Protein backbone atom coordinates (compact mmCIF):
# COMPACT_ATOMS: atom_id res chain seq x y z
CA MET A 1 95.94 98.28 -28.08
CA LYS A 2 92.65 99.49 -26.57
CA HIS A 3 90.63 97.38 -29.03
CA ALA A 4 92.65 94.29 -28.12
CA LEU A 5 92.01 94.82 -24.41
CA VAL A 6 88.29 95.32 -25.00
CA THR A 7 88.19 92.16 -27.13
CA VAL A 8 90.03 90.14 -24.47
CA PHE A 9 87.70 91.50 -21.79
CA LEU A 10 84.59 90.62 -23.82
CA LEU A 11 85.90 87.14 -24.55
CA LEU A 12 86.65 86.60 -20.87
CA LEU A 13 83.22 87.89 -19.88
CA THR A 14 81.58 85.59 -22.44
CA PHE A 15 83.56 82.62 -21.12
CA VAL A 16 82.56 83.36 -17.51
CA ALA A 17 78.91 83.95 -18.41
CA PHE A 18 78.66 80.77 -20.50
CA THR A 19 80.35 78.73 -17.76
CA TRP A 20 77.98 80.13 -15.13
CA TRP A 21 75.03 79.32 -17.40
CA ALA A 22 76.32 75.77 -17.92
CA LEU A 23 76.81 75.11 -14.22
CA GLU A 24 73.96 77.01 -12.56
CA SER A 25 71.11 77.88 -14.93
CA SER A 26 68.69 75.02 -14.19
CA GLY A 27 68.55 71.46 -12.91
CA VAL A 28 70.64 72.37 -9.88
CA ALA A 29 69.96 71.18 -6.35
CA VAL A 30 71.67 72.02 -3.08
CA LEU A 31 73.30 69.11 -1.27
CA GLU A 32 73.85 69.53 2.46
CA THR A 33 76.58 67.39 3.98
CA GLN A 34 78.19 67.35 7.40
CA ARG A 35 81.80 68.47 7.62
CA PRO A 36 84.16 66.67 10.02
CA ASP A 37 83.77 69.56 12.50
CA GLY A 38 79.97 69.04 12.53
CA SER A 39 79.06 72.14 10.53
CA THR A 40 76.91 71.92 7.41
CA ARG A 41 78.35 72.31 3.92
CA SER A 42 75.94 73.38 1.15
CA THR A 43 77.02 72.53 -2.40
CA HIS A 44 75.25 73.14 -5.69
CA VAL A 45 75.06 69.83 -7.57
CA TRP A 46 73.60 68.44 -10.75
CA HIS A 47 71.25 65.52 -10.20
CA VAL A 48 69.40 62.92 -12.22
CA THR A 49 66.67 60.45 -11.43
CA HIS A 50 67.36 56.92 -12.64
CA ASP A 51 65.11 53.95 -11.90
CA GLY A 52 63.32 56.04 -9.28
CA GLU A 53 66.52 56.97 -7.45
CA VAL A 54 68.39 60.27 -7.31
CA TRP A 55 72.00 60.14 -8.50
CA LEU A 56 74.80 62.70 -8.15
CA GLU A 57 78.36 62.86 -9.42
CA ALA A 58 81.45 63.76 -7.43
CA GLY A 59 83.76 65.18 -10.12
CA THR A 60 86.72 63.65 -8.26
CA PRO A 61 86.98 61.61 -5.07
CA GLU A 62 88.74 64.64 -3.53
CA ASN A 63 85.64 66.89 -3.79
CA ALA A 64 84.95 68.33 -0.34
CA TRP A 65 81.28 67.28 -0.28
CA PHE A 66 82.25 63.74 -1.30
CA GLN A 67 84.81 63.60 1.51
CA ASP A 68 82.01 64.67 3.86
CA VAL A 69 79.85 61.79 2.57
CA GLU A 70 82.70 59.37 3.20
CA GLY A 71 82.70 60.45 6.85
CA SER A 72 78.93 60.75 7.28
CA PRO A 73 76.56 59.50 4.57
CA ARG A 74 73.54 61.33 6.02
CA VAL A 75 72.71 64.15 3.62
CA ARG A 76 69.84 66.44 2.63
CA LEU A 77 68.97 67.46 -0.89
CA ARG A 78 67.11 70.73 -1.41
CA LEU A 79 65.28 70.75 -4.71
CA GLU A 80 62.35 72.85 -5.91
CA GLY A 81 61.40 74.03 -2.43
CA HIS A 82 61.61 70.60 -0.82
CA SER A 83 64.32 69.25 1.45
CA THR A 84 64.67 65.49 1.60
CA ALA A 85 66.88 63.36 3.85
CA TYR A 86 68.97 60.63 2.22
CA LEU A 87 71.80 58.22 2.83
CA ALA A 88 74.47 58.80 0.21
CA GLU A 89 75.89 55.61 -1.28
CA PRO A 90 78.99 55.95 -3.49
CA VAL A 91 78.93 53.57 -6.47
CA ARG A 92 82.63 53.03 -7.09
CA GLU A 93 82.35 50.36 -9.78
CA SER A 94 83.11 51.49 -13.32
CA SER A 95 79.48 50.82 -14.19
CA GLY A 96 78.49 53.59 -11.74
CA HIS A 97 80.82 56.04 -13.45
CA THR A 98 79.53 55.03 -16.89
CA THR A 99 75.92 55.32 -15.74
CA ILE A 100 76.22 58.77 -14.16
CA ARG A 101 78.23 60.17 -17.07
CA SER A 102 75.62 58.91 -19.54
CA LEU A 103 72.69 60.23 -17.49
CA LEU A 104 74.24 63.66 -17.01
CA ARG A 105 75.13 63.90 -20.70
CA GLU A 106 71.53 63.04 -21.59
CA LYS A 107 69.96 65.49 -19.12
CA TYR A 108 72.32 68.45 -19.43
CA GLY A 109 73.42 68.12 -23.08
CA VAL A 110 75.67 70.94 -24.25
CA ARG A 111 76.09 72.10 -20.66
CA ASP A 112 77.62 68.73 -19.74
CA TRP A 113 79.80 68.89 -22.85
CA TRP A 114 81.08 72.36 -21.85
CA VAL A 115 81.82 71.32 -18.28
CA GLY A 116 83.63 68.25 -19.66
CA LEU A 117 85.93 70.59 -21.60
CA LEU A 118 86.81 72.46 -18.42
CA PHE A 119 87.01 69.61 -15.90
CA ASP A 120 88.40 66.09 -16.14
CA THR A 121 85.57 63.74 -15.14
CA SER A 122 87.50 60.53 -15.81
CA ARG A 123 87.83 59.88 -12.05
CA SER A 124 84.32 60.92 -11.09
CA VAL A 125 82.31 58.82 -8.66
CA ALA A 126 78.58 58.19 -8.90
CA VAL A 127 76.59 58.69 -5.71
CA ARG A 128 73.15 57.15 -5.30
CA LEU A 129 70.83 58.76 -2.74
CA LEU A 130 68.70 56.34 -0.75
CA PRO A 131 65.65 57.75 1.09
CA ARG A 132 66.18 58.01 4.84
CA MET A 133 63.09 57.14 6.87
CA ASP A 134 64.39 57.56 10.42
CA GLY A 135 62.19 60.35 11.75
CA SER A 136 64.67 63.01 10.69
CA GLY A 137 62.58 64.57 7.97
CA GLY A 138 62.50 61.67 5.55
CA GLN A 139 61.43 61.65 1.94
CA GLY A 140 59.19 64.44 0.84
CA SER A 141 59.56 66.62 3.93
CA THR A 142 59.87 70.34 3.59
CA ASP A 143 61.70 72.76 5.79
């Protein structure tokens, strides 16, 4: 019985460690959105650059950060020590979903495959980030 418990524990630990590695090990940015109450939400997100634009994926339209974007599209993306202001533009057409899924699969490889086993991405929504140049710390600014 003791060996079975140790085996189950090690398998669970391996699963958790591999999942953490898949989600957080590299290529992760922090997206700052504004909640309905005005406070800031910080969410770790995968990102890709496509045709000179940054793209994100909301795993489902119910994701909290995506709901924030629906209410207020002004966001900040913290990446590699830089914080850049953007306007988030959901791309709801099926071509947006196909594009973001393809780009994430290409960039993240086996990590994207693993996450796809754990989470249903069939309803995901692509989000394109457009640089915000309104004096609020536009593109390339650092905090």
